Amino acid sequence: METDKNPVQSAGRIFQVMEMLATEGPCGLLEISHRLQLNKSTVHRLLNSLIYMGYVRQDEGSLKYHMTLKIVNVSGNVLKQIDMLSLSQPYLKSLMEQTYETVHLVKRVEQNICYIQKLEPSHTERSMKMASFVGMISPLYCTGVGKAIMAALPETEVRKIWEVSRIEPKTEYTILHVEHLLQELAQVRTRGYALDNEENELGVRCIAAGIHDYTGKAEYAISISAPISRMSDERIRELAVPLLDAARRLSGELGYHGEPQTQ
């Protein structure tokens, strides 16, 4: 007969039940017992504990168990305490040291992005004067980081962003038609990263990736920027490896469990 004397084991089983209900939806006692390979009495005891704590409810008609919204409140409180600058700093520093290039972290602000962190290599020969600075506001549509963020949005929202943006040629390479932008975003979703091919600043090429939260939304993005002389297509593919790894790890910190695609 099963016992739950080990507190760590009991905690693990409670989370197994919660994760199953959160993933599968309402389930009956026998279904949970069978799926988790636990004794019915053990599962019943775990469910009663979760009901007592307010995380689970039992439907009077079907007798199935389902999660309440209490876990959402708990998650919301955790998210409020996340300091994105502190959280991202080790990843940005590591990315800059691996690539010896300038690294940015941005946050979406309506139809724009705001640069909230910028790390530059200390090597004088690698440094380059760029227009970007912490606090700078730029449009989503003409930046690599902006496209990385928009790639996680439905087409209807992308079109709304386009409509309220002031579309103007920042350079001769700036995207000026929404259909062209939509084609670019489709490529971003396929390969996992976005590019800025001198669209926002002449002489600068950028590779960027979105940071996804637990809902799959991307309110943040990180990028690597360098002069075009150091950003050949081959170098872009090389930089994509550490960039996507950093983006995946940071997204994991925010509760996202998807996997960026590469090609």
C-alpha atoms as a PDB file:
ATOM      1  CA  MET A   1       0.000   0.000   0.000  1.00  0.00           C
ATOM      2  CA  GLU A   2       1.310   3.484  -0.925  1.00  0.00           C
ATOM      3  CA  THR A   3       2.301   5.970   1.718  1.00  0.00           C
ATOM      4  CA  ASP A   4       3.098   9.665   1.491  1.00  0.00           C
ATOM      5  CA  LYS A   5       5.506   9.913   4.403  1.00  0.00           C
ATOM      6  CA  ASN A   6       8.223  11.480   2.279  1.00  0.00           C
ATOM      7  CA  PRO A   7       7.287  15.203   2.129  1.00  0.00           C
ATOM      8  CA  VAL A   8       9.247  15.749  -1.079  1.00  0.00           C
ATOM      9  CA  GLN A   9       7.466  12.835  -2.731  1.00  0.00           C
ATOM     10  CA  SER A  10       4.090  14.182  -1.575  1.00  0.00           C
ATOM     11  CA  ALA A  11       4.889  17.623  -2.989  1.00  0.00           C
ATOM     12  CA  GLY A  12       5.923  16.070  -6.279  1.00  0.00           C
ATOM     13  CA  ARG A  13       2.657  14.149  -6.519  1.00  0.00           C
ATOM     14  CA  ILE A  14       0.600  17.241  -5.754  1.00  0.00           C
ATOM     15  CA  PHE A  15       2.314  19.095  -8.607  1.00  0.00           C
ATOM     16  CA  GLN A  16       1.792  16.093 -10.898  1.00  0.00           C
ATOM     17  CA  VAL A  17      -1.946  16.291 -10.245  1.00  0.00           C
ATOM     18  CA  MET A  18      -2.012  20.062 -10.750  1.00  0.00           C
ATOM     19  CA  GLU A  19      -0.021  19.893 -13.983  1.00  0.00           C
ATOM     20  CA  MET A  20      -2.259  17.142 -15.344  1.00  0.00           C
ATOM     21  CA  LEU A  21      -5.436  19.106 -14.603  1.00  0.00           C
ATOM     22  CA  ALA A  22      -3.914  22.281 -16.042  1.00  0.00           C
ATOM     23  CA  THR A  23      -2.913  20.467 -19.240  1.00  0.00           C
ATOM     24  CA  GLU A  24      -5.771  18.018 -19.769  1.00  0.00           C
ATOM     25  CA  GLY A  25      -8.677  19.924 -18.237  1.00  0.00           C
ATOM     26  CA  PRO A  26     -11.345  18.342 -15.988  1.00  0.00           C
ATOM     27  CA  CYS A  27     -10.531  14.728 -15.068  1.00  0.00           C
ATOM     28  CA  GLY A  28     -12.119  12.041 -12.934  1.00  0.00           C
ATOM     29  CA  LEU A  29     -10.470  10.280  -9.993  1.00  0.00           C
ATOM     30  CA  LEU A  30      -9.916   7.009 -11.871  1.00  0.00           C
ATOM     31  CA  GLU A  31      -8.451   8.812 -14.888  1.00  0.00           C
ATOM     32  CA  ILE A  32      -5.941  10.691 -12.736  1.00  0.00           C
ATOM     33  CA  SER A  33      -5.068   7.528 -10.823  1.00  0.00           C
ATOM     34  CA  HIS A  34      -4.482   5.587 -14.044  1.00  0.00           C
ATOM     35  CA  ARG A  35      -2.510   8.326 -15.833  1.00  0.00           C
ATOM     36  CA  LEU A  36      -0.209   9.048 -12.880  1.00  0.00           C
ATOM     37  CA  GLN A  37      -0.020   5.399 -11.824  1.00  0.00           C
ATOM     38  CA  LEU A  38      -0.995   6.240  -8.266  1.00  0.00           C
ATOM     39  CA  ASN A  39      -3.340   4.474  -5.845  1.00  0.00           C
ATOM     40  CA  LYS A  40      -6.887   5.884  -5.872  1.00  0.00           C
ATOM     41  CA  SER A  41      -6.738   6.627  -2.155  1.00  0.00           C
ATOM     42  CA  THR A  42      -3.507   8.599  -2.637  1.00  0.00           C
ATOM     43  CA  VAL A  43      -4.992  10.630  -5.487  1.00  0.00           C
ATOM     44  CA  HIS A  44      -8.171  11.253  -3.503  1.00  0.00           C
ATOM     45  CA  ARG A  45      -6.115  12.533  -0.571  1.00  0.00           C
ATOM     46  CA  LEU A  46      -4.065  14.821  -2.841  1.00  0.00           C
ATOM     47  CA  LEU A  47      -7.213  16.204  -4.486  1.00  0.00           C
ATOM     48  CA  ASN A  48      -8.823  16.874  -1.117  1.00  0.00           C
ATOM     49  CA  SER A  49      -5.718  18.820  -0.078  1.00  0.00           C
ATOM     50  CA  LEU A  50      -5.841  20.875  -3.275  1.00  0.00           C
ATOM     51  CA  ILE A  51      -9.561  21.538  -2.791  1.00  0.00           C
ATOM     52  CA  TYR A  52      -8.912  22.640   0.788  1.00  0.00           C
ATOM     53  CA  MET A  53      -6.203  25.050  -0.419  1.00  0.00           C
ATOM     54  CA  GLY A  54      -8.482  26.415  -3.138  1.00  0.00           C
ATOM     55  CA  TYR A  55      -6.532  25.235  -6.181  1.00  0.00           C
ATOM     56  CA  VAL A  56      -8.983  22.561  -7.320  1.00  0.00           C
ATOM     57  CA  ARG A  57     -12.783  22.190  -7.419  1.00  0.00           C
ATOM     58  CA  GLN A  58     -14.997  19.191  -8.069  1.00  0.00           C
ATOM     59  CA  ASP A  59     -17.973  19.521 -10.392  1.00  0.00           C
ATOM     60  CA  GLU A  60     -21.125  18.324  -8.620  1.00  0.00           C
ATOM     61  CA  GLY A  61     -22.636  16.916 -11.779  1.00  0.00           C
ATOM     62  CA  SER A  62     -19.754  15.117 -13.519  1.00  0.00           C
ATOM     63  CA  LEU A  63     -17.714  14.632 -10.308  1.00  0.00           C
ATOM     64  CA  LYS A  64     -14.650  15.615 -12.327  1.00  0.00           C
ATOM     65  CA  TYR A  65     -11.913  17.765 -10.829  1.00  0.00           C
ATOM     66  CA  HIS A  66     -10.599  20.965 -12.406  1.00  0.00           C
ATOM     67  CA  MET A  67      -8.194  23.773 -11.588  1.00  0.00           C
ATOM     68  CA  THR A  68      -9.472  27.062 -10.159  1.00  0.00           C
ATOM     69  CA  LEU A  69      -8.058  30.478 -11.031  1.00  0.00           C
ATOM     70  CA  LYS A  70      -6.117  30.710  -7.781  1.00  0.00           C
ATOM     71  CA  ILE A  71      -2.968  29.518  -9.539  1.00  0.00           C
ATOM     72  CA  VAL A  72      -3.346  32.444 -11.965  1.00  0.00           C
ATOM     73  CA  ASN A  73      -3.323  34.883  -9.046  1.00  0.00           C
ATOM     74  CA  VAL A  74      -0.207  33.240  -7.650  1.00  0.00           C
ATOM     75  CA  SER A  75       1.501  33.391 -11.065  1.00  0.00           C
ATOM     76  CA  GLY A  76       0.544  37.035 -11.437  1.00  0.00           C
ATOM     77  CA  ASN A  77       2.133  37.898  -8.112  1.00  0.00           C
ATOM     78  CA  VAL A  78       5.346  36.138  -9.146  1.00  0.00           C
ATOM     79  CA  LEU A  79       5.435  37.982 -12.470  1.00  0.00           C
ATOM     80  CA  LYS A  80       5.034  41.331 -10.727  1.00  0.00           C
ATOM     81  CA  GLN A  81       8.250  40.651  -8.846  1.00  0.00           C
ATOM     82  CA  ILE A  82      10.313  39.876 -11.937  1.00  0.00           C
ATOM     83  CA  ASP A  83      12.971  42.505 -12.629  1.00  0.00           C
ATOM     84  CA  MET A  84      13.709  41.969 -16.315  1.00  0.00           C
ATOM     85  CA  LEU A  85      16.915  44.012 -16.240  1.00  0.00           C
ATOM     86  CA  SER A  86      18.395  41.979 -13.400  1.00  0.00           C
ATOM     87  CA  LEU A  87      17.089  38.729 -14.852  1.00  0.00           C
ATOM     88  CA  SER A  88      18.541  39.355 -18.303  1.00  0.00           C
ATOM     89  CA  GLN A  89      21.882  40.872 -17.272  1.00  0.00           C
ATOM     90  CA  PRO A  90      23.867  37.588 -17.025  1.00  0.00           C
ATOM     91  CA  TYR A  91      22.535  36.418 -20.393  1.00  0.00           C
ATOM     92  CA  LEU A  92      23.272  39.722 -22.131  1.00  0.00           C
ATOM     93  CA  LYS A  93      26.769  39.905 -20.641  1.00  0.00           C
ATOM     94  CA  SER A  94      27.514  36.336 -21.705  1.00  0.00           C
ATOM     95  CA  LEU A  95      26.186  37.021 -25.214  1.00  0.00           C
ATOM     96  CA  MET A  96      28.322  40.141 -25.563  1.00  0.00           C
ATOM     97  CA  GLU A  97      31.448  38.309 -24.328  1.00  0.00           C
ATOM     98  CA  GLN A  98      30.827  35.380 -26.689  1.00  0.00           C
ATOM     99  CA  THR A  99      30.270  37.517 -29.773  1.00  0.00           C
ATOM    100  CA  TYR A 100      32.358  40.650 -29.041  1.00  0.00           C
ATOM    101  CA  GLU A 101      29.502  42.706 -30.457  1.00  0.00           C
ATOM    102  CA  THR A 102      26.933  45.181 -29.112  1.00  0.00           C
ATOM    103  CA  VAL A 103      23.928  43.581 -27.434  1.00  0.00           C
ATOM    104  CA  HIS A 104      20.540  45.211 -26.791  1.00  0.00           C
ATOM    105  CA  LEU A 105      17.462  44.421 -24.705  1.00  0.00           C
ATOM    106  CA  VAL A 106      14.222  46.184 -25.666  1.00  0.00           C
ATOM    107  CA  LYS A 107      10.646  46.281 -24.421  1.00  0.00           C
ATOM    108  CA  ARG A 108       7.548  46.824 -26.523  1.00  0.00           C
ATOM    109  CA  VAL A 109       5.683  50.065 -25.865  1.00  0.00           C
ATOM    110  CA  GLU A 110       2.520  50.022 -28.010  1.00  0.00           C
ATOM    111  CA  GLN A 111       3.676  50.353 -31.666  1.00  0.00           C
ATOM    112  CA  ASN A 112       7.262  51.074 -30.637  1.00  0.00           C
ATOM    113  CA  ILE A 113      10.151  49.511 -28.767  1.00  0.00           C
ATOM    114  CA  CYS A 114      12.201  51.121 -26.007  1.00  0.00           C
ATOM    115  CA  TYR A 115      15.866  50.245 -25.519  1.00  0.00           C
ATOM    116  CA  ILE A 116      16.256  49.340 -21.833  1.00  0.00           C
ATOM    117  CA  GLN A 117      19.776  47.865 -21.902  1.00  0.00           C
ATOM    118  CA  LYS A 118      22.831  48.182 -24.132  1.00  0.00           C
ATOM    119  CA  LEU A 119      26.127  46.355 -23.597  1.00  0.00           C
ATOM    120  CA  GLU A 120      29.153  47.138 -25.758  1.00  0.00           C
ATOM    121  CA  PRO A 121      32.449  45.211 -26.037  1.00  0.00           C
ATOM    122  CA  SER A 122      35.366  46.827 -24.225  1.00  0.00           C
ATOM    123  CA  HIS A 123      37.703  46.092 -27.127  1.00  0.00           C
ATOM    124  CA  THR A 124      38.235  49.458 -28.841  1.00  0.00           C
ATOM    125  CA  GLU A 125      38.750  47.882 -32.245  1.00  0.00           C
ATOM    126  CA  ARG A 126      35.342  46.158 -31.977  1.00  0.00           C
ATOM    127  CA  SER A 127      33.363  49.137 -30.714  1.00  0.00           C
ATOM    128  CA  MET A 128      31.272  51.208 -33.091  1.00  0.00           C
ATOM    129  CA  LYS A 129      29.322  54.398 -32.600  1.00  0.00           C
ATOM    130  CA  MET A 130      25.650  53.486 -32.928  1.00  0.00           C
ATOM    131  CA  ALA A 131      22.581  55.684 -32.715  1.00  0.00           C
ATOM    132  CA  SER A 132      20.952  53.452 -30.077  1.00  0.00           C
ATOM    133  CA  PHE A 133      20.960  54.394 -26.392  1.00  0.00           C
ATOM    134  CA  VAL A 134      19.080  53.327 -23.283  1.00  0.00           C
ATOM    135  CA  GLY A 135      15.699  55.067 -23.293  1.00  0.00           C
ATOM    136  CA  MET A 136      15.603  55.474 -27.066  1.00  0.00           C
ATOM    137  CA  ILE A 137      12.215  54.837 -28.728  1.00  0.00           C
ATOM    138  CA  SER A 138      12.061  53.280 -32.206  1.00  0.00           C
ATOM    139  CA  PRO A 139       9.239  51.838 -34.346  1.00  0.00           C
ATOM    140  CA  LEU A 140       8.550  48.118 -34.323  1.00  0.00           C
ATOM    141  CA  TYR A 141       8.282  47.813 -38.111  1.00  0.00           C
ATOM    142  CA  CYS A 142      11.837  48.850 -39.050  1.00  0.00           C
ATOM    143  CA  THR A 143      13.944  47.182 -36.344  1.00  0.00           C
ATOM    144  CA  GLY A 144      15.122  43.607 -35.915  1.00  0.00           C
ATOM    145  CA  VAL A 145      13.938  43.548 -32.309  1.00  0.00           C
ATOM    146  CA  GLY A 146      10.592  44.958 -33.382  1.00  0.00           C
ATOM    147  CA  LYS A 147      10.107  42.294 -36.011  1.00  0.00           C
ATOM    148  CA  ALA A 148      11.106  39.604 -33.499  1.00  0.00           C
ATOM    149  CA  ILE A 149       8.344  40.842 -31.198  1.00  0.00           C
ATOM    150  CA  MET A 150       5.744  41.165 -33.969  1.00  0.00           C
ATOM    151  CA  ALA A 151       6.446  37.638 -35.192  1.00  0.00           C
ATOM    152  CA  ALA A 152       4.647  36.372 -32.075  1.00  0.00           C
ATOM    153  CA  LEU A 153       1.527  38.389 -32.920  1.00  0.00           C
ATOM    154  CA  PRO A 154      -1.457  37.465 -35.124  1.00  0.00           C
ATOM    155  CA  GLU A 155      -1.635  39.156 -38.523  1.00  0.00           C
ATOM    156  CA  THR A 156      -4.600  41.302 -37.456  1.00  0.00           C
ATOM    157  CA  GLU A 157      -2.566  42.901 -34.663  1.00  0.00           C
ATOM    158  CA  VAL A 158       0.433  43.412 -36.948  1.00  0.00           C
ATOM    159  CA  ARG A 159      -1.796  45.282 -39.383  1.00  0.00           C
ATOM    160  CA  LYS A 160      -3.170  47.443 -36.552  1.00  0.00           C
ATOM    161  CA  ILE A 161       0.368  48.319 -35.485  1.00  0.00           C
ATOM    162  CA  TRP A 162       1.191  49.245 -39.077  1.00  0.00           C
ATOM    163  CA  GLU A 163      -1.874  51.474 -39.343  1.00  0.00           C
ATOM    164  CA  VAL A 164      -1.007  53.508 -36.241  1.00  0.00           C
ATOM    165  CA  SER A 165       2.717  53.735 -37.017  1.00  0.00           C
ATOM    166  CA  ARG A 166       4.297  56.612 -38.872  1.00  0.00           C
ATOM    167  CA  ILE A 167       5.761  54.732 -41.831  1.00  0.00           C
ATOM    168  CA  GLU A 168       8.758  56.532 -43.249  1.00  0.00           C
ATOM    169  CA  PRO A 169      12.037  55.549 -44.927  1.00  0.00           C
ATOM    170  CA  LYS A 170      14.650  55.610 -42.162  1.00  0.00           C
ATOM    171  CA  THR A 171      17.092  54.448 -44.841  1.00  0.00           C
ATOM    172  CA  GLU A 172      16.813  53.320 -48.436  1.00  0.00           C
ATOM    173  CA  TYR A 173      16.310  49.761 -47.145  1.00  0.00           C
ATOM    174  CA  THR A 174      13.354  50.412 -44.809  1.00  0.00           C
ATOM    175  CA  ILE A 175      10.256  48.276 -45.346  1.00  0.00           C
ATOM    176  CA  LEU A 176       7.460  50.548 -46.581  1.00  0.00           C
ATOM    177  CA  HIS A 177       4.677  48.067 -47.420  1.00  0.00           C
ATOM    178  CA  VAL A 178       2.774  45.949 -44.915  1.00  0.00           C
ATOM    179  CA  GLU A 179       2.705  42.888 -47.207  1.00  0.00           C
ATOM    180  CA  HIS A 180       6.495  42.955 -47.351  1.00  0.00           C
ATOM    181  CA  LEU A 181       6.576  43.110 -43.554  1.00  0.00           C
ATOM    182  CA  LEU A 182       4.205  40.144 -43.251  1.00  0.00           C
ATOM    183  CA  GLN A 183       6.469  38.113 -45.541  1.00  0.00           C
ATOM    184  CA  GLU A 184       9.435  38.994 -43.321  1.00  0.00           C
ATOM    185  CA  LEU A 185       7.577  37.931 -40.186  1.00  0.00           C
ATOM    186  CA  ALA A 186       6.758  34.564 -41.768  1.00  0.00           C
ATOM    187  CA  GLN A 187      10.501  34.041 -42.284  1.00  0.00           C
ATOM    188  CA  VAL A 188      11.173  35.032 -38.676  1.00  0.00           C
ATOM    189  CA  ARG A 189       8.762  32.367 -37.436  1.00  0.00           C
ATOM    190  CA  THR A 190      10.454  29.745 -39.611  1.00  0.00           C
ATOM    191  CA  ARG A 191      14.076  30.414 -38.661  1.00  0.00           C
ATOM    192  CA  GLY A 192      13.497  31.738 -35.122  1.00  0.00           C
ATOM    193  CA  TYR A 193      15.241  35.100 -35.489  1.00  0.00           C
ATOM    194  CA  ALA A 194      14.668  38.468 -37.178  1.00  0.00           C
ATOM    195  CA  LEU A 195      17.041  40.637 -39.189  1.00  0.00           C
ATOM    196  CA  ASP A 196      17.507  44.365 -39.614  1.00  0.00           C
ATOM    197  CA  ASN A 197      19.367  44.834 -42.880  1.00  0.00           C
ATOM    198  CA  GLU A 198      20.303  48.530 -42.540  1.00  0.00           C
ATOM    199  CA  GLU A 199      16.587  49.316 -42.301  1.00  0.00           C
ATOM    200  CA  ASN A 200      16.889  51.561 -39.256  1.00  0.00           C
ATOM    201  CA  GLU A 201      20.499  52.747 -39.466  1.00  0.00           C
ATOM    202  CA  LEU A 202      22.832  52.715 -42.464  1.00  0.00           C
ATOM    203  CA  GLY A 203      25.943  50.594 -42.030  1.00  0.00           C
ATOM    204  CA  VAL A 204      24.458  48.497 -39.207  1.00  0.00           C
ATOM    205  CA  ARG A 205      23.062  44.994 -39.450  1.00  0.00           C
ATOM    206  CA  CYS A 206      21.230  43.310 -36.586  1.00  0.00           C
ATOM    207  CA  ILE A 207      19.990  39.843 -35.631  1.00  0.00           C
ATOM    208  CA  ALA A 208      17.260  39.643 -32.983  1.00  0.00           C
ATOM    209  CA  ALA A 209      15.082  37.147 -31.113  1.00  0.00           C
ATOM    210  CA  GLY A 210      11.931  37.588 -29.051  1.00  0.00           C
ATOM    211  CA  ILE A 211      11.701  36.755 -25.344  1.00  0.00           C
ATOM    212  CA  HIS A 212       8.442  34.878 -24.752  1.00  0.00           C
ATOM    213  CA  ASP A 213       6.565  34.795 -21.457  1.00  0.00           C
ATOM    214  CA  TYR A 214       4.486  31.893 -20.137  1.00  0.00           C
ATOM    215  CA  THR A 215       1.578  32.835 -22.414  1.00  0.00           C
ATOM    216  CA  GLY A 216       3.750  32.830 -25.535  1.00  0.00           C
ATOM    217  CA  LYS A 217       3.661  36.608 -25.921  1.00  0.00           C
ATOM    218  CA  ALA A 218       6.886  38.470 -26.635  1.00  0.00           C
ATOM    219  CA  GLU A 219       7.014  41.850 -24.914  1.00  0.00           C
ATOM    220  CA  TYR A 220      10.830  41.844 -24.932  1.00  0.00           C
ATOM    221  CA  ALA A 221      13.540  41.053 -27.469  1.00  0.00           C
ATOM    222  CA  ILE A 222      17.325  40.853 -27.522  1.00  0.00           C
ATOM    223  CA  SER A 223      19.670  41.580 -30.407  1.00  0.00           C
ATOM    224  CA  ILE A 224      23.253  41.585 -31.612  1.00  0.00           C
ATOM    225  CA  SER A 225      24.254  44.589 -33.732  1.00  0.00           C
ATOM    226  CA  ALA A 226      27.443  45.194 -35.715  1.00  0.00           C
ATOM    227  CA  PRO A 227      28.716  47.019 -38.794  1.00  0.00           C
ATOM    228  CA  ILE A 228      27.840  45.283 -42.056  1.00  0.00           C
ATOM    229  CA  SER A 229      31.534  44.516 -42.607  1.00  0.00           C
ATOM    230  CA  ARG A 230      31.299  41.992 -39.740  1.00  0.00           C
ATOM    231  CA  MET A 231      27.774  40.755 -40.459  1.00  0.00           C
ATOM    232  CA  SER A 232      27.939  38.511 -43.503  1.00  0.00           C
ATOM    233  CA  ASP A 233      25.180  35.941 -43.970  1.00  0.00           C
ATOM    234  CA  GLU A 234      27.579  33.282 -42.683  1.00  0.00           C
ATOM    235  CA  ARG A 235      28.313  35.313 -39.518  1.00  0.00           C
ATOM    236  CA  ILE A 236      24.588  35.865 -39.009  1.00  0.00           C
ATOM    237  CA  ARG A 237      24.047  32.104 -38.997  1.00  0.00           C
ATOM    238  CA  GLU A 238      26.904  31.701 -36.505  1.00  0.00           C
ATOM    239  CA  LEU A 239      25.496  34.405 -34.199  1.00  0.00           C
ATOM    240  CA  ALA A 240      22.038  32.835 -34.360  1.00  0.00           C
ATOM    241  CA  VAL A 241      23.238  29.910 -32.230  1.00  0.00           C
ATOM    242  CA  PRO A 242      24.181  31.834 -29.042  1.00  0.00           C
ATOM    243  CA  LEU A 243      21.401  34.393 -29.592  1.00  0.00           C
ATOM    244  CA  LEU A 244      18.638  31.777 -29.785  1.00  0.00           C
ATOM    245  CA  ASP A 245      20.119  29.919 -26.835  1.00  0.00           C
ATOM    246  CA  ALA A 246      20.040  33.106 -24.727  1.00  0.00           C
ATOM    247  CA  ALA A 247      16.478  33.867 -25.899  1.00  0.00           C
ATOM    248  CA  ARG A 248      15.353  30.325 -25.070  1.00  0.00           C
ATOM    249  CA  ARG A 249      16.880  30.457 -21.587  1.00  0.00           C
ATOM    250  CA  LEU A 250      15.439  33.886 -20.824  1.00  0.00           C
ATOM    251  CA  SER A 251      12.019  32.795 -22.087  1.00  0.00           C
ATOM    252  CA  GLY A 252      12.300  29.777 -19.805  1.00  0.00           C
ATOM    253  CA  GLU A 253      12.903  32.114 -16.879  1.00  0.00           C
ATOM    254  CA  LEU A 254       9.534  33.699 -17.737  1.00  0.00           C
ATOM    255  CA  GLY A 255       7.775  30.331 -17.842  1.00  0.00           C
ATOM    256  CA  TYR A 256       7.796  29.704 -21.591  1.00  0.00           C
ATOM    257  CA  HIS A 257       8.423  26.100 -22.642  1.00  0.00           C
ATOM    258  CA  GLY A 258       8.278  26.392 -26.417  1.00  0.00           C
ATOM    259  CA  GLU A 259      11.334  25.866 -28.559  1.00  0.00           C
ATOM    260  CA  PRO A 260      12.555  28.460 -31.113  1.00  0.00           C
ATOM    261  CA  GLN A 261      13.078  26.947 -34.542  1.00  0.00           C
ATOM    262  CA  THR A 262      16.318  27.317 -36.454  1.00  0.00           C
ATOM    263  CA  GLN A 263      17.393  26.546 -39.972  1.00  0.00           C
END
